Amino acid sequence: MHRTTTTAAAVLLAVLAAGCSNDGDGGGAGDGKESKPSAAGLAKTWTPKLEQVTAGADDAVCNEVGDKACATHLTDIALVVGELEQAVNDAGGTAEYPRTVAEIGKVNAAVDAYTEHECLDDENAGVSGSPCPDDAQTILTGGQTLVLALQADEGA
């Protein structure tokens, strides 16, 4: 499953890079530092990371789901979810974290869909009938739902 998230995030990043120039902010969700907490400590470690990446942008950043700012925010969430996925796999995967793995799967599917639907730079991405708002909403809420799933899986 980690390969799926990494691939989807890479595709989304490639779409962003191809469609837009670098704005030079250098900001990203990941800081490159990986910690390997015990299975009982994932919620403690990942809750702040998930909260930071989901709250890391203006509340209205995805009002226009085809905009670069929204796609960048969604990519940041996807990257953190990919890192969490690896941590969950290292800590026992589905056997230890069934709810978390299920939620990660939903985010992965939404990232793939957002990319496949070519939502970035689509002026019709927000119109009625477009799948893009649903894709974006699943990614946005998935980051928040993962906090609850982790806590439930750990009995916190």
N, C-alpha and C. Protein backbone atom coordinates (compact mmCIF):
# COMPACT_ATOMS: atom_id res chain seq x y z
N MET A 1 0.83 -1.18 0.00
CA MET A 1 0.00 0.00 0.00
C MET A 1 0.87 1.25 0.00
N HIS A 2 2.05 1.21 0.62
CA HIS A 2 2.93 2.37 0.66
C HIS A 2 3.32 2.79 -0.75
N ARG A 3 3.57 1.82 -1.61
CA ARG A 3 3.96 2.14 -2.97
C ARG A 3 2.86 2.91 -3.68
N THR A 4 1.61 2.58 -3.41
CA THR A 4 0.49 3.29 -4.02
C THR A 4 0.46 4.75 -3.61
N THR A 5 0.61 5.02 -2.32
CA THR A 5 0.60 6.41 -1.86
C THR A 5 1.79 7.17 -2.41
N THR A 6 2.96 6.56 -2.38
CA THR A 6 4.16 7.21 -2.88
C THR A 6 4.01 7.50 -4.36
N THR A 7 3.50 6.54 -5.12
CA THR A 7 3.30 6.73 -6.55
C THR A 7 2.27 7.81 -6.81
N ALA A 8 1.16 7.77 -6.09
CA ALA A 8 0.11 8.78 -6.29
C ALA A 8 0.62 10.17 -5.93
N ALA A 9 1.36 10.28 -4.84
CA ALA A 9 1.91 11.58 -4.45
C ALA A 9 2.93 12.05 -5.48
N ALA A 10 3.73 11.13 -5.99
CA ALA A 10 4.71 11.49 -7.01
C ALA A 10 4.02 11.98 -8.28
N VAL A 11 2.94 11.30 -8.68
CA VAL A 11 2.19 11.73 -9.86
C VAL A 11 1.59 13.11 -9.62
N LEU A 12 1.01 13.32 -8.44
CA LEU A 12 0.42 14.61 -8.14
C LEU A 12 1.50 15.70 -8.13
N LEU A 13 2.66 15.39 -7.58
CA LEU A 13 3.76 16.35 -7.59
C LEU A 13 4.23 16.62 -9.02
N ALA A 14 4.28 15.58 -9.85
CA ALA A 14 4.70 15.78 -11.23
C ALA A 14 3.70 16.65 -11.98
N VAL A 15 2.42 16.44 -11.72
CA VAL A 15 1.39 17.27 -12.34
C VAL A 15 1.57 18.72 -11.90
N LEU A 16 1.83 18.91 -10.62
CA LEU A 16 2.05 20.27 -10.13
C LEU A 16 3.27 20.89 -10.79
N ALA A 17 4.36 20.14 -10.88
CA ALA A 17 5.59 20.66 -11.45
C ALA A 17 5.42 20.98 -12.93
N ALA A 18 4.71 20.13 -13.65
CA ALA A 18 4.50 20.35 -15.07
C ALA A 18 3.58 21.52 -15.34
N GLY A 19 2.61 21.73 -14.48
CA GLY A 19 1.61 22.76 -14.71
C GLY A 19 1.95 24.11 -14.14
N CYS A 20 2.92 24.18 -13.24
CA CYS A 20 3.19 25.43 -12.55
C CYS A 20 4.68 25.61 -12.37
N SER A 21 5.10 26.86 -12.20
CA SER A 21 6.49 27.12 -11.88
C SER A 21 6.65 27.11 -10.37
N ASN A 22 7.87 26.94 -9.90
CA ASN A 22 8.15 26.91 -8.47
C ASN A 22 7.96 28.29 -7.90
N ASP A 23 7.18 28.38 -6.83
CA ASP A 23 6.94 29.68 -6.22
C ASP A 23 8.01 30.03 -5.20
N GLY A 24 8.97 29.13 -4.99
CA GLY A 24 10.12 29.45 -4.17
C GLY A 24 9.89 29.41 -2.68
N ASP A 25 8.73 28.96 -2.22
CA ASP A 25 8.52 28.98 -0.77
C ASP A 25 9.25 27.84 -0.07
N GLY A 26 9.55 26.77 -0.81
CA GLY A 26 10.32 25.68 -0.23
C GLY A 26 9.60 24.94 0.85
N GLY A 27 8.37 25.30 1.16
CA GLY A 27 7.63 24.66 2.24
C GLY A 27 7.06 23.35 1.80
N GLY A 28 7.09 22.39 2.70
CA GLY A 28 6.50 21.10 2.42
C GLY A 28 6.05 20.51 3.72
N ALA A 29 5.26 19.46 3.63
CA ALA A 29 4.73 18.84 4.83
C ALA A 29 5.80 18.04 5.56
N GLY A 30 6.65 17.35 4.82
CA GLY A 30 7.63 16.50 5.47
C GLY A 30 8.88 17.28 5.78
N ASP A 31 9.50 16.93 6.88
CA ASP A 31 10.74 17.60 7.24
C ASP A 31 11.94 16.68 7.04
N GLY A 32 11.69 15.49 6.45
CA GLY A 32 12.77 14.57 6.16
C GLY A 32 13.24 13.79 7.36
N LYS A 33 12.74 14.05 8.53
CA LYS A 33 13.14 13.35 9.73
C LYS A 33 12.14 12.25 10.01
N GLU A 34 12.63 11.06 10.07
CA GLU A 34 11.75 9.93 10.33
C GLU A 34 12.05 9.38 11.71
N SER A 35 11.00 9.13 12.44
CA SER A 35 11.15 8.47 13.71
C SER A 35 10.45 7.13 13.63
N LYS A 36 10.92 6.17 14.38
CA LYS A 36 10.31 4.85 14.37
C LYS A 36 9.79 4.55 15.76
N PRO A 37 8.59 5.08 16.07
CA PRO A 37 8.03 4.86 17.39
C PRO A 37 7.54 3.43 17.53
N SER A 38 7.35 3.02 18.75
CA SER A 38 6.78 1.70 19.01
C SER A 38 5.34 1.70 18.54
N ALA A 39 4.77 0.51 18.40
CA ALA A 39 3.41 0.39 17.92
C ALA A 39 2.44 1.19 18.79
N ALA A 40 2.68 1.24 20.08
CA ALA A 40 1.78 1.95 20.98
C ALA A 40 1.94 3.46 20.89
N GLY A 41 2.94 3.94 20.19
CA GLY A 41 3.20 5.37 20.16
C GLY A 41 2.86 6.06 18.86
N LEU A 42 2.24 5.39 17.90
CA LEU A 42 1.97 6.05 16.62
C LEU A 42 1.01 7.22 16.76
N ALA A 43 -0.04 7.07 17.53
CA ALA A 43 -0.99 8.18 17.69
C ALA A 43 -0.30 9.39 18.30
N LYS A 44 0.53 9.16 19.28
CA LYS A 44 1.23 10.26 19.93
C LYS A 44 2.16 10.98 18.95
N THR A 45 2.81 10.22 18.11
CA THR A 45 3.76 10.79 17.16
C THR A 45 3.06 11.43 15.96
N TRP A 46 2.03 10.77 15.45
CA TRP A 46 1.44 11.19 14.19
C TRP A 46 0.28 12.17 14.32
N THR A 47 -0.36 12.23 15.46
CA THR A 47 -1.46 13.18 15.63
C THR A 47 -1.00 14.62 15.37
N PRO A 48 0.10 15.06 15.96
CA PRO A 48 0.53 16.45 15.67
C PRO A 48 0.89 16.66 14.21
N LYS A 49 1.49 15.67 13.58
CA LYS A 49 1.86 15.81 12.17
C LYS A 49 0.63 15.92 11.29
N LEU A 50 -0.36 15.07 11.54
CA LEU A 50 -1.59 15.11 10.77
C LEU A 50 -2.36 16.40 11.01
N GLU A 51 -2.42 16.82 12.27
CA GLU A 51 -3.12 18.07 12.59
C GLU A 51 -2.42 19.27 11.93
N GLN A 52 -1.10 19.25 11.93
CA GLN A 52 -0.36 20.36 11.34
C GLN A 52 -0.60 20.43 9.82
N VAL A 53 -0.53 19.29 9.15
CA VAL A 53 -0.68 19.33 7.69
C VAL A 53 -2.12 19.62 7.27
N THR A 54 -3.09 19.20 8.05
CA THR A 54 -4.48 19.49 7.67
C THR A 54 -4.86 20.92 8.02
N ALA A 55 -4.22 21.48 9.03
CA ALA A 55 -4.51 22.86 9.41
C ALA A 55 -3.48 23.82 8.84
N GLY A 56 -2.57 23.29 8.03
CA GLY A 56 -1.45 24.08 7.56
C GLY A 56 -1.74 25.07 6.47
N ALA A 57 -2.99 25.24 6.11
CA ALA A 57 -3.32 26.18 5.04
C ALA A 57 -4.56 26.97 5.43
N ASP A 58 -4.79 28.01 4.69
CA ASP A 58 -5.99 28.83 4.85
C ASP A 58 -7.22 27.94 4.69
N ASP A 59 -8.23 28.17 5.50
CA ASP A 59 -9.45 27.36 5.45
C ASP A 59 -10.07 27.32 4.05
N ALA A 60 -9.86 28.35 3.28
CA ALA A 60 -10.47 28.45 1.95
C ALA A 60 -9.54 27.96 0.84
N VAL A 61 -8.44 27.33 1.19
CA VAL A 61 -7.44 26.96 0.18
C VAL A 61 -8.03 26.07 -0.92
N CYS A 62 -8.99 25.25 -0.60
CA CYS A 62 -9.57 24.36 -1.61
C CYS A 62 -10.98 24.76 -2.04
N ASN A 63 -11.30 26.04 -1.88
CA ASN A 63 -12.58 26.49 -2.44
C ASN A 63 -12.60 26.29 -3.95
N GLU A 64 -11.46 26.43 -4.56
CA GLU A 64 -11.30 26.16 -6.00
C GLU A 64 -10.39 24.94 -6.10
N VAL A 65 -11.00 23.75 -6.25
CA VAL A 65 -10.23 22.51 -6.15
C VAL A 65 -9.25 22.29 -7.29
N GLY A 66 -9.35 23.06 -8.35
CA GLY A 66 -8.42 22.94 -9.45
C GLY A 66 -7.22 23.87 -9.35
N ASP A 67 -7.20 24.74 -8.35
CA ASP A 67 -6.10 25.69 -8.19
C ASP A 67 -4.83 25.01 -7.69
N LYS A 68 -3.70 25.62 -8.02
CA LYS A 68 -2.41 25.11 -7.59
C LYS A 68 -2.31 25.06 -6.06
N ALA A 69 -2.84 26.08 -5.39
CA ALA A 69 -2.75 26.12 -3.92
C ALA A 69 -3.46 24.92 -3.30
N CYS A 70 -4.60 24.56 -3.84
CA CYS A 70 -5.34 23.40 -3.32
C CYS A 70 -4.55 22.13 -3.61
N ALA A 71 -4.08 21.98 -4.83
CA ALA A 71 -3.32 20.78 -5.19
C ALA A 71 -2.07 20.64 -4.35
N THR A 72 -1.42 21.75 -4.05
CA THR A 72 -0.23 21.71 -3.20
C THR A 72 -0.60 21.26 -1.79
N HIS A 73 -1.69 21.78 -1.26
CA HIS A 73 -2.15 21.39 0.07
C HIS A 73 -2.51 19.91 0.11
N LEU A 74 -3.21 19.45 -0.91
CA LEU A 74 -3.58 18.03 -0.98
C LEU A 74 -2.34 17.15 -1.09
N THR A 75 -1.34 17.61 -1.83
CA THR A 75 -0.09 16.86 -1.96
C THR A 75 0.62 16.78 -0.61
N ASP A 76 0.64 17.88 0.13
CA ASP A 76 1.25 17.86 1.46
C ASP A 76 0.59 16.82 2.36
N ILE A 77 -0.74 16.77 2.31
CA ILE A 77 -1.46 15.77 3.11
C ILE A 77 -1.11 14.37 2.63
N ALA A 78 -1.10 14.15 1.32
CA ALA A 78 -0.79 12.83 0.77
C ALA A 78 0.61 12.37 1.18
N LEU A 79 1.56 13.27 1.22
CA LEU A 79 2.92 12.90 1.60
C LEU A 79 2.99 12.47 3.06
N VAL A 80 2.32 13.20 3.94
CA VAL A 80 2.30 12.82 5.36
C VAL A 80 1.58 11.49 5.53
N VAL A 81 0.49 11.29 4.80
CA VAL A 81 -0.23 10.02 4.88
C VAL A 81 0.66 8.88 4.39
N GLY A 82 1.45 9.13 3.37
CA GLY A 82 2.39 8.12 2.88
C GLY A 82 3.43 7.75 3.93
N GLU A 83 3.92 8.76 4.64
CA GLU A 83 4.88 8.50 5.72
C GLU A 83 4.22 7.74 6.86
N LEU A 84 2.98 8.11 7.18
CA LEU A 84 2.24 7.38 8.21
C LEU A 84 2.01 5.94 7.78
N GLU A 85 1.69 5.75 6.54
CA GLU A 85 1.46 4.40 6.03
C GLU A 85 2.69 3.51 6.26
N GLN A 86 3.85 4.05 5.98
CA GLN A 86 5.08 3.28 6.20
C GLN A 86 5.25 2.97 7.69
N ALA A 87 4.98 3.95 8.54
CA ALA A 87 5.10 3.73 9.99
C ALA A 87 4.12 2.66 10.46
N VAL A 88 2.90 2.70 9.93
CA VAL A 88 1.89 1.69 10.29
C VAL A 88 2.34 0.31 9.83
N ASN A 89 2.86 0.23 8.61
CA ASN A 89 3.35 -1.06 8.11
C ASN A 89 4.48 -1.58 8.98
N ASP A 90 5.37 -0.70 9.40
CA ASP A 90 6.49 -1.11 10.28
C ASP A 90 6.00 -1.54 11.65
N ALA A 91 4.83 -1.04 12.07
CA ALA A 91 4.30 -1.33 13.40
C ALA A 91 3.27 -2.46 13.40
N GLY A 92 3.14 -3.17 12.32
CA GLY A 92 2.24 -4.32 12.32
C GLY A 92 1.13 -4.28 11.31
N GLY A 93 0.99 -3.18 10.60
CA GLY A 93 0.02 -3.08 9.51
C GLY A 93 -1.42 -3.28 9.95
N THR A 94 -2.16 -3.97 9.11
CA THR A 94 -3.60 -4.16 9.32
C THR A 94 -3.89 -4.91 10.61
N ALA A 95 -3.03 -5.82 10.99
CA ALA A 95 -3.27 -6.59 12.22
C ALA A 95 -3.32 -5.68 13.45
N GLU A 96 -2.50 -4.66 13.49
CA GLU A 96 -2.44 -3.75 14.63
C GLU A 96 -3.29 -2.49 14.43
N TYR A 97 -3.46 -2.08 13.19
CA TYR A 97 -4.11 -0.80 12.88
C TYR A 97 -5.15 -0.95 11.77
N PRO A 98 -6.18 -1.76 11.97
CA PRO A 98 -7.15 -1.99 10.89
C PRO A 98 -7.91 -0.73 10.46
N ARG A 99 -8.32 0.11 11.40
CA ARG A 99 -9.06 1.32 11.05
C ARG A 99 -8.17 2.32 10.33
N THR A 100 -6.94 2.42 10.81
CA THR A 100 -5.99 3.35 10.21
C THR A 100 -5.67 2.93 8.78
N VAL A 101 -5.43 1.64 8.57
CA VAL A 101 -5.13 1.15 7.23
C VAL A 101 -6.31 1.41 6.29
N ALA A 102 -7.52 1.21 6.78
CA ALA A 102 -8.71 1.48 5.96
C ALA A 102 -8.79 2.95 5.57
N GLU A 103 -8.54 3.85 6.51
CA GLU A 103 -8.58 5.28 6.22
C GLU A 103 -7.46 5.69 5.27
N ILE A 104 -6.29 5.10 5.43
CA ILE A 104 -5.18 5.38 4.51
C ILE A 104 -5.59 4.96 3.10
N GLY A 105 -6.26 3.83 2.99
CA GLY A 105 -6.72 3.36 1.68
C GLY A 105 -7.68 4.35 1.02
N LYS A 106 -8.55 4.95 1.82
CA LYS A 106 -9.49 5.94 1.28
C LYS A 106 -8.75 7.17 0.76
N VAL A 107 -7.75 7.63 1.52
CA VAL A 107 -6.97 8.79 1.09
C VAL A 107 -6.20 8.44 -0.18
N ASN A 108 -5.58 7.26 -0.21
CA ASN A 108 -4.84 6.84 -1.41
C ASN A 108 -5.73 6.83 -2.64
N ALA A 109 -6.93 6.28 -2.49
CA ALA A 109 -7.86 6.21 -3.61
C ALA A 109 -8.25 7.61 -4.08
N ALA A 110 -8.46 8.53 -3.14
CA ALA A 110 -8.83 9.91 -3.49
C ALA A 110 -7.68 10.64 -4.18
N VAL A 111 -6.45 10.39 -3.73
CA VAL A 111 -5.29 11.01 -4.39
C VAL A 111 -5.18 10.49 -5.83
N ASP A 112 -5.34 9.18 -6.00
CA ASP A 112 -5.32 8.61 -7.35
C ASP A 112 -6.42 9.22 -8.21
N ALA A 113 -7.63 9.34 -7.64
CA ALA A 113 -8.77 9.87 -8.39
C ALA A 113 -8.55 11.33 -8.77
N TYR A 114 -8.05 12.14 -7.84
CA TYR A 114 -7.79 13.56 -8.12
C TYR A 114 -6.83 13.69 -9.30
N THR A 115 -5.82 12.83 -9.32
CA THR A 115 -4.84 12.85 -10.40
C THR A 115 -5.46 12.34 -11.70
N GLU A 116 -6.17 11.22 -11.63
CA GLU A 116 -6.78 10.64 -12.83
C GLU A 116 -7.85 11.54 -13.43
N HIS A 117 -8.55 12.26 -12.58
CA HIS A 117 -9.59 13.18 -13.06
C HIS A 117 -9.01 14.49 -13.59
N GLU A 118 -7.69 14.62 -13.49
CA GLU A 118 -6.98 15.81 -13.99
C GLU A 118 -7.58 17.10 -13.44
N CYS A 119 -7.75 17.12 -12.12
CA CYS A 119 -8.39 18.25 -11.46
C CYS A 119 -7.55 19.52 -11.47
N LEU A 120 -6.22 19.36 -11.37
CA LEU A 120 -5.35 20.53 -11.35
C LEU A 120 -5.49 21.32 -12.64
N ASP A 121 -5.71 22.61 -12.50
CA ASP A 121 -5.84 23.56 -13.62
C ASP A 121 -7.10 23.34 -14.45
N ASP A 122 -8.03 22.55 -13.94
CA ASP A 122 -9.30 22.35 -14.64
C ASP A 122 -10.27 23.42 -14.17
N GLU A 123 -10.61 24.32 -15.07
CA GLU A 123 -11.53 25.40 -14.68
C GLU A 123 -12.92 24.89 -14.35
N ASN A 124 -13.23 23.68 -14.74
CA ASN A 124 -14.54 23.09 -14.43
C ASN A 124 -14.47 22.12 -13.25
N ALA A 125 -13.36 22.10 -12.54
CA ALA A 125 -13.18 21.16 -11.43
C ALA A 125 -14.21 21.34 -10.33
N GLY A 126 -14.71 22.54 -10.18
CA GLY A 126 -15.65 22.80 -9.10
C GLY A 126 -17.11 22.81 -9.50
N VAL A 127 -17.39 22.56 -10.78
CA VAL A 127 -18.77 22.62 -11.22
C VAL A 127 -19.54 21.37 -10.81
N SER A 128 -20.83 21.51 -10.75
CA SER A 128 -21.70 20.40 -10.39
C SER A 128 -21.47 19.23 -11.34
N GLY A 129 -21.30 18.07 -10.77
CA GLY A 129 -21.07 16.87 -11.56
C GLY A 129 -19.61 16.49 -11.67
N SER A 130 -18.71 17.40 -11.36
CA SER A 130 -17.28 17.08 -11.38
C SER A 130 -16.93 16.24 -10.17
N PRO A 131 -16.09 15.23 -10.35
CA PRO A 131 -15.67 14.41 -9.20
C PRO A 131 -14.60 15.08 -8.35
N CYS A 132 -14.02 16.15 -8.84
CA CYS A 132 -12.88 16.77 -8.16
C CYS A 132 -13.18 17.26 -6.74
N PRO A 133 -14.31 17.92 -6.49
CA PRO A 133 -14.58 18.34 -5.11
C PRO A 133 -14.66 17.16 -4.13
N ASP A 134 -15.24 16.05 -4.57
CA ASP A 134 -15.31 14.88 -3.70
C ASP A 134 -13.93 14.31 -3.44
N ASP A 135 -13.09 14.27 -4.49
CA ASP A 135 -11.72 13.78 -4.32
C ASP A 135 -10.98 14.63 -3.30
N ALA A 136 -11.06 15.94 -3.48
CA ALA A 136 -10.37 16.87 -2.58
C ALA A 136 -10.90 16.74 -1.15
N GLN A 137 -12.21 16.66 -1.00
CA GLN A 137 -12.81 16.57 0.33
C GLN A 137 -12.36 15.30 1.05
N THR A 138 -12.27 14.19 0.32
CA THR A 138 -11.83 12.93 0.93
C THR A 138 -10.40 13.05 1.44
N ILE A 139 -9.54 13.71 0.68
CA ILE A 139 -8.15 13.89 1.12
C ILE A 139 -8.11 14.82 2.33
N LEU A 140 -8.84 15.92 2.26
CA LEU A 140 -8.84 16.90 3.36
C LEU A 140 -9.35 16.27 4.66
N THR A 141 -10.46 15.58 4.59
CA THR A 141 -11.02 14.99 5.81
C THR A 141 -10.28 13.73 6.22
N GLY A 142 -9.66 13.07 5.26
CA GLY A 142 -8.90 11.86 5.58
C GLY A 142 -7.76 12.12 6.54
N GLY A 143 -7.10 13.26 6.37
CA GLY A 143 -6.02 13.60 7.29
C GLY A 143 -6.53 13.75 8.72
N GLN A 144 -7.73 14.31 8.86
CA GLN A 144 -8.33 14.48 10.18
C GLN A 144 -8.88 13.16 10.72
N THR A 145 -9.48 12.37 9.85
CA THR A 145 -10.05 11.10 10.26
C THR A 145 -8.97 10.12 10.71
N LEU A 146 -7.79 10.23 10.14
CA LEU A 146 -6.70 9.34 10.52
C LEU A 146 -6.31 9.51 11.99
N VAL A 147 -6.43 10.71 12.51
CA VAL A 147 -6.15 10.94 13.93
C VAL A 147 -7.08 10.08 14.78
N LEU A 148 -8.36 10.10 14.45
CA LEU A 148 -9.34 9.32 15.20
C LEU A 148 -9.11 7.82 15.01
N ALA A 149 -8.77 7.42 13.80
CA ALA A 149 -8.53 6.00 13.54
C ALA A 149 -7.33 5.49 14.34
N LEU A 150 -6.26 6.26 14.35
CA LEU A 150 -5.08 5.88 15.14
C LEU A 150 -5.43 5.72 16.61
N GLN A 151 -6.15 6.69 17.14
CA GLN A 151 -6.53 6.64 18.56
C GLN A 151 -7.42 5.44 18.83
N ALA A 152 -8.35 5.16 17.94
CA ALA A 152 -9.23 4.01 18.14
C ALA A 152 -8.45 2.70 18.07
N ASP A 153 -7.53 2.60 17.13
CA ASP A 153 -6.73 1.39 16.98
C ASP A 153 -5.84 1.14 18.20
N GLU A 154 -5.40 2.21 18.81
CA GLU A 154 -4.54 2.07 19.99
C GLU A 154 -5.32 2.06 21.29
N GLY A 155 -6.63 2.19 21.20
CA GLY A 155 -7.45 2.18 22.41
C GLY A 155 -7.25 3.38 23.28
N ALA A 156 -6.85 4.49 22.66
CA ALA A 156 -6.59 5.72 23.42
C ALA A 156 -7.87 6.43 23.76
